[in-house]
């Protein structure tokens, strides 16, 4: 090999080594970002589950509370009518 080709091989191998190091660093950052995204999505899923559980609990108690309110209104109306008469 002559000198020019040896210099070109050294330059190309140096550039490839630098590119490899940069690629490894970028991959490390991508892995860190993906872990954070996974943690955020897990947290969002937990929040959605808790909101869903609260909504179902409210749904279960909403019907009895509505019935109690209606009964309370009926009792209040009858006591008002009795006070007017009596």
PDB file of N, CA and C in Angstrom:
ATOM      1  N   UNK A   1       0.843  -1.178   0.000  1.00  0.00           N
ATOM      2  CA  UNK A   1       0.000   0.000   0.000  1.00  0.00           C
ATOM      3  C   UNK A   1       0.887   1.240   0.000  1.00  0.00           C
ATOM      4  N   UNK A   2       0.414   2.203  -0.702  1.00  0.00           N
ATOM      5  CA  UNK A   2       1.193   3.437  -0.692  1.00  0.00           C
ATOM      6  C   UNK A   2       0.710   4.352   0.428  1.00  0.00           C
ATOM      7  N   UNK A   3       1.346   5.433   0.593  1.00  0.00           N
ATOM      8  CA  UNK A   3       1.103   6.325   1.718  1.00  0.00           C
ATOM      9  C   UNK A   3      -0.291   6.940   1.676  1.00  0.00           C
ATOM     10  N   UNK A   4      -0.764   7.297   0.514  1.00  0.00           N
ATOM     11  CA  UNK A   4      -2.081   7.932   0.385  1.00  0.00           C
ATOM     12  C   UNK A   4      -3.181   6.971   0.823  1.00  0.00           C
ATOM     13  N   UNK A   5      -3.091   5.737   0.427  1.00  0.00           N
ATOM     14  CA  UNK A   5      -4.136   4.779   0.804  1.00  0.00           C
ATOM     15  C   UNK A   5      -4.075   4.480   2.304  1.00  0.00           C
ATOM     16  N   UNK A   6      -2.876   4.457   2.865  1.00  0.00           N
ATOM     17  CA  UNK A   6      -2.753   4.247   4.311  1.00  0.00           C
ATOM     18  C   UNK A   6      -3.369   5.411   5.089  1.00  0.00           C
ATOM     19  N   UNK A   7      -3.155   6.612   4.623  1.00  0.00           N
ATOM     20  CA  UNK A   7      -3.741   7.791   5.272  1.00  0.00           C
ATOM     21  C   UNK A   7      -5.259   7.740   5.170  1.00  0.00           C
ATOM     22  N   UNK A   8      -5.791   7.354   4.010  1.00  0.00           N
ATOM     23  CA  UNK A   8      -7.240   7.245   3.832  1.00  0.00           C
ATOM     24  C   UNK A   8      -7.828   6.169   4.738  1.00  0.00           C
ATOM     25  N   UNK A   9      -7.146   5.058   4.896  1.00  0.00           N
ATOM     26  CA  UNK A   9      -7.625   3.995   5.782  1.00  0.00           C
ATOM     27  C   UNK A   9      -7.651   4.496   7.227  1.00  0.00           C
ATOM     28  N   UNK A  10      -6.646   5.219   7.639  1.00  0.00           N
ATOM     29  CA  UNK A  10      -6.597   5.752   9.004  1.00  0.00           C
ATOM     30  C   UNK A  10      -7.730   6.753   9.214  1.00  0.00           C
ATOM     31  N   UNK A  11      -7.959   7.627   8.239  1.00  0.00           N
ATOM     32  CA  UNK A  11      -9.027   8.624   8.361  1.00  0.00           C
ATOM     33  C   UNK A  11     -10.393   7.943   8.424  1.00  0.00           C
ATOM     34  N   UNK A  12     -10.633   6.987   7.544  1.00  0.00           N
ATOM     35  CA  UNK A  12     -11.924   6.296   7.510  1.00  0.00           C
ATOM     36  C   UNK A  12     -12.134   5.495   8.795  1.00  0.00           C
ATOM     37  N   UNK A  13     -11.126   4.833   9.267  1.00  0.00           N
ATOM     38  CA  UNK A  13     -11.290   4.056  10.497  1.00  0.00           C
ATOM     39  C   UNK A  13     -11.506   4.975  11.694  1.00  0.00           C
ATOM     40  N   UNK A  14     -10.850   6.140  11.709  1.00  0.00           N
ATOM     41  CA  UNK A  14     -11.063   7.103  12.795  1.00  0.00           C
ATOM     42  C   UNK A  14     -12.498   7.640  12.776  1.00  0.00           C
ATOM     43  N   UNK A  15     -12.989   7.976  11.596  1.00  0.00           N
ATOM     44  CA  UNK A  15     -14.360   8.466  11.468  1.00  0.00           C
ATOM     45  C   UNK A  15     -15.354   7.387  11.889  1.00  0.00           C
ATOM     46  N   UNK A  16     -15.132   6.178  11.502  1.00  0.00           N
ATOM     47  CA  UNK A  16     -16.017   5.081  11.887  1.00  0.00           C
ATOM     48  C   UNK A  16     -15.987   4.837  13.393  1.00  0.00           C
ATOM     49  N   UNK A  17     -14.828   4.951  14.005  1.00  0.00           N
ATOM     50  CA  UNK A  17     -14.725   4.779  15.455  1.00  0.00           C
ATOM     51  C   UNK A  17     -15.476   5.890  16.175  1.00  0.00           C
ATOM     52  N   UNK A  18     -15.318   7.126  15.706  1.00  0.00           N
ATOM     53  CA  UNK A  18     -16.048   8.250  16.314  1.00  0.00           C
ATOM     54  C   UNK A  18     -17.548   8.055  16.132  1.00  0.00           C
ATOM     55  N   UNK A  19     -17.957   7.648  14.927  1.00  0.00           N
ATOM     56  CA  UNK A  19     -19.375   7.394  14.667  1.00  0.00           C
ATOM     57  C   UNK A  19     -19.907   6.301  15.586  1.00  0.00           C
ATOM     58  N   UNK A  20     -19.145   5.275  15.827  1.00  0.00           N
ATOM     59  CA  UNK A  20     -19.562   4.183  16.705  1.00  0.00           C
ATOM     60  C   UNK A  20     -19.738   4.670  18.142  1.00  0.00           C
ATOM     61  N   UNK A  21     -18.828   5.486  18.607  1.00  0.00           N
ATOM     62  CA  UNK A  21     -18.929   6.029  19.967  1.00  0.00           C
ATOM     63  C   UNK A  21     -20.157   6.926  20.087  1.00  0.00           C
ATOM     64  N   UNK A  22     -20.377   7.778  19.103  1.00  0.00           N
ATOM     65  CA  UNK A  22     -21.547   8.663  19.118  1.00  0.00           C
ATOM     66  C   UNK A  22     -22.831   7.844  19.085  1.00  0.00           C
ATOM     67  N   UNK A  23     -22.857   6.802  18.291  1.00  0.00           N
ATOM     68  CA  UNK A  23     -24.024   5.934  18.198  1.00  0.00           C
ATOM     69  C   UNK A  23     -24.309   5.241  19.536  1.00  0.00           C
ATOM     70  N   UNK A  24     -23.301   4.786  20.204  1.00  0.00           N
ATOM     71  CA  UNK A  24     -23.471   4.129  21.505  1.00  0.00           C
ATOM     72  C   UNK A  24     -24.030   5.123  22.527  1.00  0.00           C
ATOM     73  N   UNK A  25     -23.513   6.333  22.532  1.00  0.00           N
ATOM     74  CA  UNK A  25     -24.008   7.359  23.461  1.00  0.00           C
ATOM     75  C   UNK A  25     -25.473   7.670  23.160  1.00  0.00           C
ATOM     76  N   UNK A  26     -25.805   7.809  21.896  1.00  0.00           N
ATOM     77  CA  UNK A  26     -27.199   8.083  21.512  1.00  0.00           C
ATOM     78  C   UNK A  26     -28.119   6.936  21.917  1.00  0.00           C
ATOM     79  N   UNK A  27     -27.678   5.722  21.766  1.00  0.00           N
ATOM     80  CA  UNK A  27     -28.494   4.570  22.153  1.00  0.00           C
ATOM     81  C   UNK A  27     -28.734   4.539  23.657  1.00  0.00           C
ATOM     82  N   UNK A  28     -27.726   4.920  24.436  1.00  0.00           N
ATOM     83  CA  UNK A  28     -27.904   4.977  25.888  1.00  0.00           C
ATOM     84  C   UNK A  28     -28.980   5.995  26.238  1.00  0.00           C
ATOM     85  N   UNK A  29     -28.950   7.167  25.606  1.00  0.00           N
ATOM     86  CA  UNK A  29     -29.964   8.186  25.877  1.00  0.00           C
ATOM     87  C   UNK A  29     -31.354   7.726  25.429  1.00  0.00           C
ATOM     88  N   UNK A  30     -31.436   7.047  24.313  1.00  0.00           N
ATOM     89  CA  UNK A  30     -32.730   6.538  23.835  1.00  0.00           C
ATOM     90  C   UNK A  30     -33.300   5.517  24.811  1.00  0.00           C
ATOM     91  N   UNK A  31     -32.459   4.660  25.337  1.00  0.00           N
ATOM     92  CA  UNK A  31     -32.920   3.672  26.312  1.00  0.00           C
ATOM     93  C   UNK A  31     -33.431   4.370  27.577  1.00  0.00           C
ATOM     94  N   UNK A  32     -32.731   5.402  28.036  1.00  0.00           N
ATOM     95  CA  UNK A  32     -33.175   6.153  29.215  1.00  0.00           C
ATOM     96  C   UNK A  32     -34.523   6.815  28.957  1.00  0.00           C
ATOM     97  N   UNK A  33     -34.668   7.411  27.791  1.00  0.00           N
ATOM     98  CA  UNK A  33     -35.938   8.068  27.451  1.00  0.00           C
ATOM     99  C   UNK A  33     -37.068   7.055  27.376  1.00  0.00           C
ATOM    100  N   UNK A  34     -36.811   5.894  26.802  1.00  0.00           N
ATOM    101  CA  UNK A  34     -37.843   4.860  26.721  1.00  0.00           C
ATOM    102  C   UNK A  34     -38.257   4.363  28.100  1.00  0.00           C
ATOM    103  N   UNK A  35     -37.315   4.269  29.020  1.00  0.00           N
ATOM    104  CA  UNK A  35     -37.661   3.870  30.391  1.00  0.00           C
ATOM    105  C   UNK A  35     -38.553   4.919  31.042  1.00  0.00           C
ATOM    106  N   UNK A  36     -38.258   6.200  30.829  1.00  0.00           N
ATOM    107  CA  UNK A  36     -39.088   7.262  31.384  1.00  0.00           C
ATOM    108  C   UNK A  36     -40.483   7.240  30.774  1.00  0.00           C
ATOM    109  N   UNK A  37     -40.556   7.013  29.485  1.00  0.00           N
ATOM    110  CA  UNK A  37     -41.860   6.938  28.819  1.00  0.00           C
ATOM    111  C   UNK A  37     -42.660   5.765  29.369  1.00  0.00           C
ATOM    112  N   UNK A  38     -42.015   4.638  29.578  1.00  0.00           N
ATOM    113  CA  UNK A  38     -42.704   3.469  30.134  1.00  0.00           C
ATOM    114  C   UNK A  38     -43.215   3.778  31.541  1.00  0.00           C
ATOM    115  N   UNK A  39     -42.404   4.445  32.346  1.00  0.00           N
ATOM    116  CA  UNK A  39     -42.815   4.798  33.707  1.00  0.00           C
ATOM    117  C   UNK A  39     -44.004   5.766  33.682  1.00  0.00           C
ATOM    118  N   UNK A  40     -43.975   6.725  32.770  1.00  0.00           N
ATOM    119  CA  UNK A  40     -45.076   7.684  32.654  1.00  0.00           C
ATOM    120  C   UNK A  40     -46.346   6.990  32.201  1.00  0.00           C
ATOM    121  N   UNK A  41     -46.246   6.087  31.249  1.00  0.00           N
ATOM    122  CA  UNK A  41     -47.446   5.391  30.785  1.00  0.00           C
ATOM    123  C   UNK A  41     -48.001   4.474  31.868  1.00  0.00           C
ATOM    124  N   UNK A  42     -47.137   3.856  32.659  1.00  0.00           N
ATOM    125  CA  UNK A  42     -47.626   3.039  33.774  1.00  0.00           C
ATOM    126  C   UNK A  42     -48.373   3.891  34.783  1.00  0.00           C
ATOM    127  N   UNK A  43     -47.819   5.065  35.081  1.00  0.00           N
ATOM    128  CA  UNK A  43     -48.472   5.974  36.028  1.00  0.00           C
ATOM    129  C   UNK A  43     -49.815   6.448  35.467  1.00  0.00           C
ATOM    130  N   UNK A  44     -49.853   6.778  34.191  1.00  0.00           N
ATOM    131  CA  UNK A  44     -51.103   7.218  33.567  1.00  0.00           C
ATOM    132  C   UNK A  44     -52.138   6.095  33.579  1.00  0.00           C
ATOM    133  N   UNK A  45     -51.699   4.877  33.374  1.00  0.00           N
ATOM    134  CA  UNK A  45     -52.609   3.738  33.418  1.00  0.00           C
ATOM    135  C   UNK A  45     -53.168   3.543  34.827  1.00  0.00           C
ATOM    136  N   UNK A  46     -52.326   3.712  35.842  1.00  0.00           N
ATOM    137  CA  UNK A  46     -52.796   3.600  37.227  1.00  0.00           C
ATOM    138  C   UNK A  46     -53.812   4.690  37.545  1.00  0.00           C
ATOM    139  N   UNK A  47     -53.549   5.899  37.074  1.00  0.00           N
ATOM    140  CA  UNK A  47     -54.490   6.998  37.304  1.00  0.00           C
ATOM    141  C   UNK A  47     -55.818   6.704  36.612  1.00  0.00           C
ATOM    142  N   UNK A  48     -55.762   6.210  35.388  1.00  0.00           N
ATOM    143  CA  UNK A  48     -56.991   5.891  34.663  1.00  0.00           C
ATOM    144  C   UNK A  48     -57.763   4.791  35.379  1.00  0.00           C
ATOM    145  N   UNK A  49     -57.056   3.803  35.906  1.00  0.00           N
ATOM    146  CA  UNK A  49     -57.730   2.734  36.638  1.00  0.00           C
ATOM    147  C   UNK A  49     -58.398   3.259  37.903  1.00  0.00           C
ATOM    148  N   UNK A  50     -57.728   4.150  38.617  1.00  0.00           N
ATOM    149  CA  UNK A  50     -58.316   4.681  39.848  1.00  0.00           C
ATOM    150  C   UNK A  50     -59.518   5.568  39.542  1.00  0.00           C
ATOM    151  N   UNK A  51     -59.440   6.331  38.456  1.00  0.00           N
ATOM    152  CA  UNK A  51     -60.589   7.151  38.056  1.00  0.00           C
ATOM    153  C   UNK A  51     -61.757   6.258  37.662  1.00  0.00           C
ATOM    154  N   UNK A  52     -61.458   5.178  36.972  1.00  0.00           N
ATOM    155  CA  UNK A  52     -62.505   4.239  36.583  1.00  0.00           C
ATOM    156  C   UNK A  52     -63.141   3.591  37.806  1.00  0.00           C
ATOM    157  N   UNK A  53     -62.322   3.241  38.776  1.00  0.00           N
ATOM    158  CA  UNK A  53     -62.854   2.640  40.003  1.00  0.00           C
ATOM    159  C   UNK A  53     -63.710   3.643  40.766  1.00  0.00           C
ATOM    160  N   UNK A  54     -63.274   4.893  40.813  1.00  0.00           N
ATOM    161  CA  UNK A  54     -64.068   5.921  41.498  1.00  0.00           C
ATOM    162  C   UNK A  54     -65.386   6.152  40.771  1.00  0.00           C
ATOM    163  N   UNK A  55     -65.358   6.138  39.465  1.00  0.00           N
ATOM    164  CA  UNK A  55     -66.585   6.333  38.695  1.00  0.00           C
ATOM    165  C   UNK A  55     -67.557   5.180  38.916  1.00  0.00           C
ATOM    166  N   UNK A  56     -67.049   3.967  38.960  1.00  0.00           N
ATOM    167  CA  UNK A  56     -67.942   2.827  39.191  1.00  0.00           C
ATOM    168  C   UNK A  56     -68.496   2.848  40.609  1.00  0.00           C
ATOM    169  N   UNK A  57     -67.688   3.280  41.574  1.00  0.00           N
ATOM    170  CA  UNK A  57     -68.183   3.395  42.948  1.00  0.00           C
ATOM    171  C   UNK A  57     -69.260   4.466  43.029  1.00  0.00           C
ATOM    172  N   UNK A  58     -69.059   5.586  42.355  1.00  0.00           N
ATOM    173  CA  UNK A  58     -70.065   6.634  42.333  1.00  0.00           C
ATOM    174  C   UNK A  58     -71.335   6.143  41.652  1.00  0.00           C
ATOM    175  N   UNK A  59     -71.152   5.378  40.594  1.00  0.00           N
ATOM    176  CA  UNK A  59     -72.313   4.836  39.874  1.00  0.00           C
ATOM    177  C   UNK A  59     -73.117   3.899  40.777  1.00  0.00           C
ATOM    178  N   UNK A  60     -72.431   3.098  41.572  1.00  0.00           N
ATOM    179  CA  UNK A  60     -73.131   2.179  42.473  1.00  0.00           C
ATOM    180  C   UNK A  60     -73.882   2.931  43.568  1.00  0.00           C
ATOM    181  N   UNK A  61     -73.313   4.043  44.038  1.00  0.00           N
ATOM    182  CA  UNK A  61     -73.952   4.777  45.133  1.00  0.00           C
ATOM    183  C   UNK A  61     -74.901   5.855  44.632  1.00  0.00           C
ATOM    184  N   UNK A  62     -74.838   6.208  43.364  1.00  0.00           N
ATOM    185  CA  UNK A  62     -75.679   7.280  42.849  1.00  0.00           C
ATOM    186  C   UNK A  62     -77.152   6.880  42.871  1.00  0.00           C
ATOM    187  N   UNK A  63     -77.468   5.658  42.509  1.00  0.00           N
ATOM    188  CA  UNK A  63     -78.865   5.214  42.481  1.00  0.00           C
ATOM    189  C   UNK A  63     -79.479   5.215  43.872  1.00  0.00           C
ATOM    190  N   UNK A  64     -78.850   4.627  44.877  1.00  0.00           N
ATOM    191  CA  UNK A  64     -79.439   4.681  46.214  1.00  0.00           C
ATOM    192  C   UNK A  64     -79.552   6.105  46.760  1.00  0.00           C
ATOM    193  N   UNK A  65     -78.560   6.943  46.452  1.00  0.00           N
ATOM    194  CA  UNK A  65     -78.629   8.321  46.924  1.00  0.00           C
ATOM    195  C   UNK A  65     -79.775   9.069  46.265  1.00  0.00           C
ATOM    196  N   UNK A  66     -80.017   8.805  44.992  1.00  0.00           N
ATOM    197  CA  UNK A  66     -81.122   9.461  44.300  1.00  0.00           C
ATOM    198  C   UNK A  66     -82.453   9.024  44.901  1.00  0.00           C
ATOM    199  N   UNK A  67     -82.576   7.758  45.219  1.00  0.00           N
ATOM    200  CA  UNK A  67     -83.802   7.249  45.827  1.00  0.00           C
ATOM    201  C   UNK A  67     -83.986   7.865  47.205  1.00  0.00           C
ATOM    202  N   UNK A  68     -82.915   7.957  47.981  1.00  0.00           N
ATOM    203  CA  UNK A  68     -82.989   8.589  49.297  1.00  0.00           C
ATOM    204  C   UNK A  68     -83.395  10.052  49.189  1.00  0.00           C
ATOM    205  N   UNK A  69     -82.894  10.743  48.193  1.00  0.00           N
ATOM    206  CA  UNK A  69     -83.247  12.136  48.009  1.00  0.00           C
ATOM    207  C   UNK A  69     -84.729  12.275  47.666  1.00  0.00           C
ATOM    208  N   UNK A  70     -85.218  11.402  46.811  1.00  0.00           N
ATOM    209  CA  UNK A  70     -86.638  11.440  46.449  1.00  0.00           C
ATOM    210  C   UNK A  70     -87.499  11.169  47.669  1.00  0.00           C
ATOM    211  N   UNK A  71     -87.128  10.148  48.450  1.00  0.00           N
ATOM    212  CA  UNK A  71     -87.891   9.819  49.662  1.00  0.00           C
ATOM    213  C   UNK A  71     -87.838  10.999  50.634  1.00  0.00           C
ATOM    214  N   UNK A  72     -86.683  11.608  50.786  1.00  0.00           N
ATOM    215  CA  UNK A  72     -86.548  12.772  51.658  1.00  0.00           C
ATOM    216  C   UNK A  72     -87.423  13.923  51.201  1.00  0.00           C
ATOM    217  N   UNK A  73     -87.490  14.164  49.894  1.00  0.00           N
ATOM    218  CA  UNK A  73     -88.350  15.222  49.366  1.00  0.00           C
ATOM    219  C   UNK A  73     -89.821  14.924  49.639  1.00  0.00           C
ATOM    220  N   UNK A  74     -90.216  13.655  49.496  1.00  0.00           N
ATOM    221  CA  UNK A  74     -91.605  13.272  49.756  1.00  0.00           C
ATOM    222  C   UNK A  74     -91.939  13.511  51.226  1.00  0.00           C
ATOM    223  N   UNK A  75     -91.034  13.107  52.099  1.00  0.00           N
ATOM    224  CA  UNK A  75     -91.272  13.308  53.537  1.00  0.00           C
ATOM    225  C   UNK A  75     -91.339  14.794  53.853  1.00  0.00           C
ATOM    226  N   UNK A  76     -90.480  15.576  53.274  1.00  0.00           N
ATOM    227  CA  UNK A  76     -90.485  17.017  53.507  1.00  0.00           C
ATOM    228  C   UNK A  76     -91.791  17.648  53.024  1.00  0.00           C
ATOM    229  N   UNK A  77     -92.253  17.221  51.864  1.00  0.00           N
ATOM    230  CA  UNK A  77     -93.517  17.741  51.323  1.00  0.00           C
ATOM    231  C   UNK A  77     -94.686  17.390  52.243  1.00  0.00           C
ATOM    232  N   UNK A  78     -94.718  16.139  52.725  1.00  0.00           N
ATOM    233  CA  UNK A  78     -95.836  15.734  53.590  1.00  0.00           C
ATOM    234  C   UNK A  78     -95.789  16.475  54.919  1.00  0.00           C
ATOM    235  N   UNK A  79     -94.619  16.728  55.456  1.00  0.00           N
ATOM    236  CA  UNK A  79     -94.552  17.479  56.718  1.00  0.00           C
ATOM    237  C   UNK A  79     -94.987  18.927  56.506  1.00  0.00           C
ATOM    238  N   UNK A  80     -94.681  19.512  55.371  1.00  0.00           N
ATOM    239  CA  UNK A  80     -95.141  20.873  55.078  1.00  0.00           C
ATOM    240  C   UNK A  80     -96.672  20.910  54.983  1.00  0.00           C
ATOM    241  N   UNK A  81     -97.224  19.904  54.314  1.00  0.00           N
ATOM    242  CA  UNK A  81     -98.688  19.870  54.175  1.00  0.00           C
ATOM    243  C   UNK A  81     -99.346  19.696  55.550  1.00  0.00           C
ATOM    244  N   UNK A  82     -98.784  18.842  56.397  1.00  0.00           N
ATOM    245  CA  UNK A  82     -99.353  18.639  57.732  1.00  0.00           C
ATOM    246  C   UNK A  82     -99.252  19.892  58.590  1.00  0.00           C
ATOM    247  N   UNK A  83     -98.164  20.626  58.441  1.00  0.00           N
ATOM    248  CA  UNK A  83     -98.013  21.867  59.220  1.00  0.00           C
ATOM    249  C   UNK A  83     -99.036  22.902  58.771  1.00  0.00           C
ATOM    250  N   UNK A  84     -99.338  22.966  57.504  1.00  0.00           N
ATOM    251  CA  UNK A  84    -100.334  23.914  56.991  1.00  0.00           C
ATOM    252  C   UNK A  84    -101.733  23.567  57.515  1.00  0.00           C
ATOM    253  N   UNK A  85    -102.051  22.283  57.581  1.00  0.00           N
ATOM    254  CA  UNK A  85    -103.376  21.855  58.014  1.00  0.00           C
ATOM    255  C   UNK A  85    -103.518  21.978  59.516  1.00  0.00           C
ATOM    256  N   UNK A  86    -102.489  21.629  60.210  1.00  0.00           N
ATOM    257  CA  UNK A  86    -102.582  21.505  61.659  1.00  0.00           C
ATOM    258  C   UNK A  86    -102.315  22.742  62.374  1.00  0.00           C
TER     259      UNK A  86
END
